[in-house]
N, C-alpha and C. Protein backbone atom coordinates (compact mmCIF):
# COMPACT_ATOMS: atom_id res chain seq x y z
N MET A 1 -47.84 30.41 -5.30
CA MET A 1 -47.89 28.97 -5.20
C MET A 1 -46.98 28.34 -6.25
N LYS A 2 -46.98 28.87 -7.44
CA LYS A 2 -46.14 28.34 -8.52
C LYS A 2 -44.66 28.50 -8.17
N LYS A 3 -44.29 29.65 -7.56
CA LYS A 3 -42.90 29.89 -7.18
C LYS A 3 -42.48 28.88 -6.10
N LEU A 4 -43.36 28.59 -5.17
CA LEU A 4 -43.05 27.63 -4.10
C LEU A 4 -42.84 26.24 -4.69
N LEU A 5 -43.65 25.85 -5.65
CA LEU A 5 -43.52 24.55 -6.29
C LEU A 5 -42.20 24.46 -7.05
N VAL A 6 -41.84 25.50 -7.80
CA VAL A 6 -40.59 25.53 -8.55
C VAL A 6 -39.42 25.47 -7.59
N LEU A 7 -39.48 26.23 -6.51
CA LEU A 7 -38.41 26.24 -5.52
C LEU A 7 -38.26 24.86 -4.87
N THR A 8 -39.36 24.21 -4.56
CA THR A 8 -39.33 22.88 -3.96
C THR A 8 -38.70 21.87 -4.91
N VAL A 9 -39.10 21.90 -6.18
CA VAL A 9 -38.53 20.99 -7.18
C VAL A 9 -37.04 21.26 -7.34
N PHE A 10 -36.66 22.52 -7.37
CA PHE A 10 -35.24 22.89 -7.52
C PHE A 10 -34.42 22.37 -6.33
N ILE A 11 -34.91 22.57 -5.12
CA ILE A 11 -34.20 22.08 -3.91
C ILE A 11 -34.11 20.56 -3.94
N ALA A 12 -35.18 19.89 -4.34
CA ALA A 12 -35.16 18.43 -4.42
C ALA A 12 -34.14 17.96 -5.43
N PHE A 13 -34.08 18.63 -6.58
CA PHE A 13 -33.12 18.29 -7.63
C PHE A 13 -31.68 18.46 -7.12
N ILE A 14 -31.40 19.57 -6.45
CA ILE A 14 -30.06 19.82 -5.88
C ILE A 14 -29.71 18.76 -4.85
N SER A 15 -30.66 18.43 -3.99
CA SER A 15 -30.41 17.44 -2.94
C SER A 15 -30.10 16.06 -3.53
N ILE A 16 -30.87 15.67 -4.53
CA ILE A 16 -30.64 14.37 -5.16
C ILE A 16 -29.30 14.37 -5.87
N SER A 17 -28.96 15.45 -6.58
CA SER A 17 -27.68 15.54 -7.26
C SER A 17 -26.52 15.46 -6.29
N ALA A 18 -26.63 16.14 -5.17
CA ALA A 18 -25.55 16.15 -4.17
C ALA A 18 -25.35 14.77 -3.56
N THR A 19 -26.41 14.05 -3.28
CA THR A 19 -26.26 12.72 -2.67
C THR A 19 -25.71 11.73 -3.67
N ASN A 20 -26.01 11.90 -4.95
CA ASN A 20 -25.49 10.99 -5.98
C ASN A 20 -24.02 11.25 -6.31
N SER A 21 -23.51 12.42 -6.04
CA SER A 21 -22.13 12.73 -6.37
C SER A 21 -21.15 12.34 -5.26
N VAL A 22 -21.65 11.96 -4.10
CA VAL A 22 -20.80 11.53 -2.99
C VAL A 22 -20.34 10.12 -3.28
N PRO A 23 -19.01 9.86 -3.26
CA PRO A 23 -18.54 8.50 -3.53
C PRO A 23 -19.01 7.54 -2.44
N PRO A 24 -19.24 6.29 -2.81
CA PRO A 24 -19.69 5.35 -1.80
C PRO A 24 -18.60 5.12 -0.76
N PRO A 25 -19.01 4.91 0.48
CA PRO A 25 -18.00 4.69 1.52
C PRO A 25 -17.29 3.36 1.32
N ASN A 26 -16.15 3.20 2.01
CA ASN A 26 -15.42 1.93 1.95
C ASN A 26 -16.33 0.80 2.39
N LYS A 27 -16.15 -0.34 1.76
CA LYS A 27 -16.89 -1.52 2.18
C LYS A 27 -16.31 -2.08 3.47
N HIS A 28 -15.04 -1.80 3.70
CA HIS A 28 -14.35 -2.32 4.89
C HIS A 28 -13.98 -1.17 5.81
N GLU A 29 -13.99 -1.48 7.07
CA GLU A 29 -13.42 -0.55 8.04
C GLU A 29 -12.14 -1.21 8.52
N TYR A 30 -11.01 -0.68 8.08
CA TYR A 30 -9.74 -1.31 8.38
C TYR A 30 -9.35 -1.05 9.83
N THR A 31 -8.81 -2.07 10.46
CA THR A 31 -8.36 -1.96 11.84
C THR A 31 -6.90 -2.33 11.91
N ASN A 32 -6.22 -1.79 12.90
CA ASN A 32 -4.83 -2.09 13.17
C ASN A 32 -3.89 -1.58 12.08
N LEU A 33 -4.27 -0.50 11.41
CA LEU A 33 -3.35 0.13 10.46
C LEU A 33 -2.39 1.00 11.23
N LYS A 34 -1.10 0.75 11.09
CA LYS A 34 -0.09 1.51 11.81
C LYS A 34 0.77 2.37 10.90
N ILE A 35 0.85 2.03 9.65
CA ILE A 35 1.65 2.80 8.68
C ILE A 35 0.73 3.42 7.63
N LEU A 36 -0.14 2.63 7.07
CA LEU A 36 -1.08 3.14 6.06
C LEU A 36 -2.13 4.03 6.73
N PRO A 37 -2.66 5.00 5.98
CA PRO A 37 -3.65 5.91 6.57
C PRO A 37 -4.94 5.16 6.96
N LYS A 38 -5.52 5.55 8.06
CA LYS A 38 -6.73 4.89 8.58
C LYS A 38 -7.91 5.02 7.62
N ASP A 39 -7.93 6.08 6.84
CA ASP A 39 -9.07 6.31 5.92
C ASP A 39 -8.75 5.87 4.50
N ILE A 40 -7.82 4.94 4.34
CA ILE A 40 -7.43 4.48 3.01
C ILE A 40 -8.62 3.86 2.30
N SER A 41 -8.73 4.10 1.00
CA SER A 41 -9.82 3.54 0.23
C SER A 41 -9.56 2.06 -0.06
N ASP A 42 -10.63 1.34 -0.33
CA ASP A 42 -10.49 -0.06 -0.69
C ASP A 42 -9.62 -0.21 -1.94
N GLU A 43 -9.83 0.69 -2.89
CA GLU A 43 -9.07 0.62 -4.14
C GLU A 43 -7.57 0.82 -3.87
N ARG A 44 -7.23 1.82 -3.08
CA ARG A 44 -5.81 2.10 -2.78
C ARG A 44 -5.20 0.94 -1.98
N MET A 45 -5.92 0.41 -1.02
CA MET A 45 -5.43 -0.72 -0.23
C MET A 45 -5.14 -1.90 -1.15
N GLY A 46 -6.05 -2.18 -2.06
CA GLY A 46 -5.87 -3.28 -2.99
C GLY A 46 -4.64 -3.08 -3.87
N MET A 47 -4.44 -1.86 -4.35
CA MET A 47 -3.27 -1.58 -5.19
C MET A 47 -1.97 -1.79 -4.41
N ILE A 48 -1.93 -1.32 -3.17
CA ILE A 48 -0.71 -1.47 -2.36
C ILE A 48 -0.43 -2.95 -2.09
N MET A 49 -1.45 -3.69 -1.67
CA MET A 49 -1.26 -5.10 -1.38
C MET A 49 -0.87 -5.89 -2.63
N ASP A 50 -1.47 -5.56 -3.76
CA ASP A 50 -1.08 -6.22 -5.02
C ASP A 50 0.37 -5.93 -5.38
N ALA A 51 0.82 -4.71 -5.12
CA ALA A 51 2.23 -4.36 -5.38
C ALA A 51 3.15 -5.16 -4.47
N PHE A 52 2.77 -5.33 -3.19
CA PHE A 52 3.58 -6.13 -2.29
C PHE A 52 3.68 -7.57 -2.80
N LYS A 53 2.54 -8.16 -3.18
CA LYS A 53 2.53 -9.54 -3.62
C LYS A 53 3.40 -9.73 -4.87
N ALA A 54 3.28 -8.81 -5.82
CA ALA A 54 4.07 -8.92 -7.05
C ALA A 54 5.55 -8.69 -6.78
N SER A 55 5.87 -7.74 -5.95
CA SER A 55 7.27 -7.40 -5.68
C SER A 55 8.00 -8.52 -4.96
N LEU A 56 7.28 -9.22 -4.06
CA LEU A 56 7.90 -10.28 -3.28
C LEU A 56 7.58 -11.68 -3.80
N GLY A 57 6.72 -11.78 -4.79
CA GLY A 57 6.35 -13.09 -5.32
C GLY A 57 5.65 -13.97 -4.29
N VAL A 58 4.78 -13.36 -3.49
CA VAL A 58 4.10 -14.08 -2.42
C VAL A 58 2.59 -13.92 -2.53
N LYS A 59 1.90 -14.61 -1.66
CA LYS A 59 0.44 -14.46 -1.52
C LYS A 59 0.16 -13.75 -0.21
N CYS A 60 -1.08 -13.38 -0.01
CA CYS A 60 -1.48 -12.62 1.18
C CYS A 60 -1.07 -13.34 2.48
N SER A 61 -1.14 -14.66 2.48
CA SER A 61 -0.85 -15.44 3.67
C SER A 61 0.65 -15.37 4.08
N PHE A 62 1.47 -14.79 3.26
CA PHE A 62 2.87 -14.61 3.63
C PHE A 62 2.98 -13.68 4.85
N CYS A 63 2.17 -12.64 4.88
CA CYS A 63 2.20 -11.67 5.99
C CYS A 63 1.00 -11.79 6.92
N HIS A 64 -0.12 -12.28 6.40
CA HIS A 64 -1.36 -12.31 7.18
C HIS A 64 -1.67 -13.71 7.70
N ALA A 65 -1.99 -13.79 8.99
CA ALA A 65 -2.30 -15.05 9.66
C ALA A 65 -3.67 -15.57 9.27
N VAL A 66 -3.82 -16.88 9.34
CA VAL A 66 -5.11 -17.50 9.10
C VAL A 66 -6.02 -17.16 10.26
N ALA A 67 -7.27 -16.84 9.96
CA ALA A 67 -8.25 -16.50 11.00
C ALA A 67 -8.52 -17.72 11.87
N ALA A 68 -8.72 -17.47 13.15
CA ALA A 68 -8.95 -18.55 14.11
C ALA A 68 -10.23 -19.32 13.78
N ASP A 69 -11.22 -18.67 13.21
CA ASP A 69 -12.48 -19.33 12.89
C ASP A 69 -12.51 -19.96 11.52
N SER A 70 -11.36 -20.02 10.86
CA SER A 70 -11.27 -20.58 9.51
C SER A 70 -10.97 -22.07 9.59
N SER A 71 -11.98 -22.89 9.28
CA SER A 71 -11.81 -24.35 9.41
C SER A 71 -10.85 -24.92 8.37
N GLN A 72 -10.81 -24.35 7.20
CA GLN A 72 -9.95 -24.89 6.15
C GLN A 72 -8.78 -23.99 5.83
N GLY A 73 -8.52 -22.98 6.66
CA GLY A 73 -7.40 -22.09 6.45
C GLY A 73 -7.55 -21.17 5.25
N ARG A 74 -8.80 -20.88 4.88
CA ARG A 74 -9.04 -20.07 3.69
C ARG A 74 -9.25 -18.60 3.99
N HIS A 75 -9.56 -18.29 5.24
CA HIS A 75 -9.83 -16.90 5.60
C HIS A 75 -8.69 -16.34 6.41
N LEU A 76 -8.27 -15.16 6.06
CA LEU A 76 -7.16 -14.54 6.76
C LEU A 76 -7.65 -13.47 7.72
N ASP A 77 -6.91 -13.30 8.79
CA ASP A 77 -7.20 -12.26 9.77
C ASP A 77 -6.27 -11.10 9.47
N PHE A 78 -6.72 -10.18 8.63
CA PHE A 78 -5.87 -9.10 8.15
C PHE A 78 -5.42 -8.16 9.27
N ALA A 79 -6.20 -8.07 10.35
CA ALA A 79 -5.84 -7.16 11.46
C ALA A 79 -4.82 -7.79 12.40
N SER A 80 -4.67 -9.08 12.36
CA SER A 80 -3.78 -9.77 13.28
C SER A 80 -2.31 -9.42 13.07
N ASP A 81 -1.57 -9.38 14.16
CA ASP A 81 -0.12 -9.16 14.12
C ASP A 81 0.63 -10.45 14.44
N ALA A 82 -0.03 -11.59 14.26
CA ALA A 82 0.55 -12.88 14.64
C ALA A 82 1.79 -13.26 13.84
N LYS A 83 1.91 -12.79 12.62
CA LYS A 83 3.05 -13.16 11.80
C LYS A 83 4.12 -12.08 11.82
N GLU A 84 5.35 -12.51 12.03
CA GLU A 84 6.49 -11.59 12.07
C GLU A 84 6.65 -10.83 10.75
N GLU A 85 6.31 -11.49 9.66
CA GLU A 85 6.46 -10.87 8.35
C GLU A 85 5.66 -9.56 8.21
N LYS A 86 4.54 -9.48 8.92
CA LYS A 86 3.73 -8.26 8.85
C LYS A 86 4.49 -7.09 9.48
N GLN A 87 5.13 -7.32 10.60
CA GLN A 87 5.92 -6.26 11.25
C GLN A 87 7.13 -5.90 10.40
N ILE A 88 7.74 -6.89 9.79
CA ILE A 88 8.87 -6.62 8.89
C ILE A 88 8.39 -5.74 7.73
N ALA A 89 7.23 -6.04 7.18
CA ALA A 89 6.68 -5.23 6.09
C ALA A 89 6.47 -3.78 6.53
N ARG A 90 5.98 -3.60 7.75
CA ARG A 90 5.80 -2.23 8.26
C ARG A 90 7.15 -1.51 8.36
N GLU A 91 8.16 -2.19 8.85
CA GLU A 91 9.48 -1.56 8.96
C GLU A 91 10.05 -1.26 7.57
N MET A 92 9.81 -2.13 6.61
CA MET A 92 10.28 -1.90 5.25
C MET A 92 9.56 -0.69 4.64
N MET A 93 8.28 -0.53 4.93
CA MET A 93 7.53 0.63 4.43
C MET A 93 8.12 1.92 5.00
N LYS A 94 8.45 1.90 6.30
CA LYS A 94 9.06 3.08 6.91
C LYS A 94 10.43 3.37 6.29
N MET A 95 11.20 2.30 6.05
CA MET A 95 12.53 2.44 5.49
C MET A 95 12.49 3.06 4.09
N THR A 96 11.62 2.51 3.22
CA THR A 96 11.56 3.05 1.86
C THR A 96 11.03 4.47 1.85
N ALA A 97 10.07 4.79 2.72
CA ALA A 97 9.55 6.17 2.81
C ALA A 97 10.66 7.12 3.24
N SER A 98 11.48 6.68 4.20
CA SER A 98 12.59 7.52 4.67
C SER A 98 13.63 7.71 3.57
N ILE A 99 13.98 6.65 2.88
CA ILE A 99 14.97 6.76 1.79
C ILE A 99 14.45 7.74 0.74
N ASN A 100 13.20 7.55 0.34
CA ASN A 100 12.63 8.42 -0.68
C ASN A 100 12.54 9.88 -0.22
N ALA A 101 12.14 10.09 1.03
CA ALA A 101 12.00 11.46 1.54
C ALA A 101 13.36 12.14 1.66
N ASN A 102 14.37 11.41 2.09
CA ASN A 102 15.67 12.02 2.37
C ASN A 102 16.61 12.09 1.17
N PHE A 103 16.43 11.18 0.21
CA PHE A 103 17.38 11.11 -0.89
C PHE A 103 16.78 11.37 -2.27
N PHE A 104 15.45 11.32 -2.38
CA PHE A 104 14.81 11.49 -3.68
C PHE A 104 13.72 12.56 -3.68
N ASN A 105 13.68 13.38 -2.68
CA ASN A 105 12.66 14.43 -2.56
C ASN A 105 13.21 15.72 -3.18
N PHE A 106 13.49 15.68 -4.46
CA PHE A 106 14.15 16.78 -5.15
C PHE A 106 13.27 18.03 -5.19
N ASP A 107 11.96 17.86 -5.22
CA ASP A 107 11.05 19.00 -5.29
C ASP A 107 10.62 19.48 -3.89
N HIS A 108 11.22 18.90 -2.85
CA HIS A 108 10.89 19.25 -1.47
C HIS A 108 9.40 19.13 -1.19
N SER A 109 8.85 18.02 -1.60
CA SER A 109 7.42 17.75 -1.43
C SER A 109 7.07 17.73 0.05
N THR A 110 5.88 18.20 0.35
CA THR A 110 5.39 18.12 1.74
C THR A 110 4.76 16.76 1.99
N GLN A 111 4.67 15.94 0.95
CA GLN A 111 4.14 14.57 1.07
C GLN A 111 5.17 13.59 0.50
N PRO A 112 6.32 13.47 1.15
CA PRO A 112 7.36 12.59 0.57
C PRO A 112 6.96 11.13 0.56
N ASP A 113 5.92 10.75 1.30
CA ASP A 113 5.49 9.36 1.27
C ASP A 113 4.87 8.99 -0.08
N THR A 114 4.65 9.98 -0.94
CA THR A 114 4.10 9.68 -2.27
C THR A 114 5.20 9.50 -3.31
N ILE A 115 6.46 9.62 -2.92
CA ILE A 115 7.58 9.43 -3.83
C ILE A 115 7.85 7.92 -3.93
N HIS A 116 7.99 7.42 -5.14
CA HIS A 116 8.16 5.98 -5.32
C HIS A 116 9.41 5.67 -6.14
N GLU A 117 10.52 6.25 -5.77
CA GLU A 117 11.77 5.95 -6.46
C GLU A 117 12.31 4.60 -6.00
N VAL A 118 12.32 4.41 -4.69
CA VAL A 118 12.72 3.12 -4.11
C VAL A 118 11.45 2.46 -3.62
N MET A 119 11.24 1.23 -4.02
CA MET A 119 10.05 0.51 -3.58
C MET A 119 10.44 -0.95 -3.37
N CYS A 120 9.49 -1.74 -2.95
CA CYS A 120 9.77 -3.14 -2.62
C CYS A 120 10.53 -3.86 -3.73
N TYR A 121 10.05 -3.67 -4.97
CA TYR A 121 10.65 -4.40 -6.10
C TYR A 121 12.09 -4.01 -6.35
N THR A 122 12.50 -2.82 -5.91
CA THR A 122 13.89 -2.37 -6.11
C THR A 122 14.88 -3.43 -5.63
N CYS A 123 14.60 -4.02 -4.49
CA CYS A 123 15.49 -5.04 -3.93
C CYS A 123 14.95 -6.46 -4.08
N HIS A 124 13.66 -6.62 -3.87
CA HIS A 124 13.09 -7.98 -3.83
C HIS A 124 13.02 -8.63 -5.20
N ARG A 125 12.67 -7.90 -6.23
CA ARG A 125 12.60 -8.41 -7.59
C ARG A 125 11.88 -9.74 -7.73
N GLY A 126 10.72 -9.81 -7.05
CA GLY A 126 9.87 -11.00 -7.15
C GLY A 126 10.26 -12.11 -6.20
N MET A 127 11.17 -11.86 -5.25
CA MET A 127 11.60 -12.89 -4.29
C MET A 127 11.25 -12.44 -2.87
N ALA A 128 10.79 -13.36 -2.06
CA ALA A 128 10.43 -13.04 -0.67
C ALA A 128 11.64 -12.53 0.09
N LYS A 129 12.78 -13.11 -0.14
CA LYS A 129 14.02 -12.63 0.47
C LYS A 129 14.97 -12.22 -0.64
N PRO A 130 15.35 -10.95 -0.66
CA PRO A 130 16.23 -10.49 -1.76
C PRO A 130 17.54 -11.23 -1.78
N ASP A 131 18.01 -11.50 -2.99
CA ASP A 131 19.30 -12.13 -3.18
C ASP A 131 20.34 -11.02 -3.21
N LYS A 132 21.06 -10.85 -2.12
CA LYS A 132 22.00 -9.72 -2.02
C LYS A 132 23.11 -9.82 -3.08
N GLU A 133 23.38 -11.02 -3.58
CA GLU A 133 24.40 -11.19 -4.60
C GLU A 133 23.93 -10.69 -5.96
N ALA A 134 22.60 -10.64 -6.15
CA ALA A 134 22.06 -10.27 -7.45
C ALA A 134 21.47 -8.87 -7.47
N LEU A 135 21.64 -8.10 -6.40
CA LEU A 135 21.01 -6.78 -6.36
C LEU A 135 21.58 -5.83 -7.39
N PHE A 136 22.88 -5.77 -7.48
CA PHE A 136 23.52 -4.86 -8.41
C PHE A 136 24.61 -5.60 -9.17
N PRO A 137 24.22 -6.48 -10.11
CA PRO A 137 25.21 -7.32 -10.78
C PRO A 137 26.31 -6.53 -11.51
N GLN A 138 25.94 -5.42 -12.15
CA GLN A 138 26.96 -4.65 -12.86
C GLN A 138 27.97 -4.06 -11.89
N LEU A 139 27.48 -3.51 -10.79
CA LEU A 139 28.35 -2.94 -9.78
C LEU A 139 29.20 -4.02 -9.14
N ASP A 140 28.59 -5.18 -8.86
CA ASP A 140 29.34 -6.28 -8.26
C ASP A 140 30.48 -6.75 -9.17
N SER A 141 30.21 -6.82 -10.46
CA SER A 141 31.27 -7.27 -11.37
C SER A 141 32.40 -6.26 -11.43
N ILE A 142 32.11 -4.98 -11.36
CA ILE A 142 33.16 -3.96 -11.33
C ILE A 142 33.97 -4.07 -10.05
N MET A 143 33.27 -4.27 -8.93
CA MET A 143 33.97 -4.38 -7.64
C MET A 143 34.88 -5.61 -7.63
N LYS A 144 34.40 -6.73 -8.15
CA LYS A 144 35.21 -7.94 -8.18
C LYS A 144 36.41 -7.77 -9.09
N ALA A 145 36.22 -7.11 -10.20
CA ALA A 145 37.35 -6.85 -11.13
C ALA A 145 38.40 -5.97 -10.46
N ASN A 146 37.96 -4.97 -9.70
CA ASN A 146 38.90 -4.10 -9.00
C ASN A 146 39.64 -4.83 -7.89
N GLU A 147 38.99 -5.80 -7.26
CA GLU A 147 39.64 -6.58 -6.19
C GLU A 147 40.78 -7.43 -6.75
N ARG A 148 40.65 -7.87 -8.01
CA ARG A 148 41.68 -8.72 -8.60
C ARG A 148 42.92 -7.94 -8.95
N HIS A 149 42.79 -6.63 -9.09
CA HIS A 149 43.97 -5.83 -9.50
C HIS A 149 44.70 -5.30 -8.33
């Protein structure tokens, strides 16, 4: 009887420990993700969106449409594809992933999407539309000097 009680307490302890070590599930179930992984964590999603906002100097509403049920325009419909900027962002994500995989994958990683040599800020530098004249000022000045000769 004593062995059974000890075994029961031990199993209960293991069960409680196992359930407490499982990370809590996402608070959100993301829909309409076409580039980002479907099982992305809330923390990772937040980090990516914050990087987009900082790199382009914009707010969420730059890419995300206002929800139809939002009377004061305060709630965004993150799943909506109503704004063209959201599709442009998806294409830019594919472009930077391709550049990084093909030109900066020196270690031949099997996960080249984790390489961050070229990212939004590389060109945007805090502007929604990159200033092509200011992308490479040192290179531009050399090119202009060479044109004069």
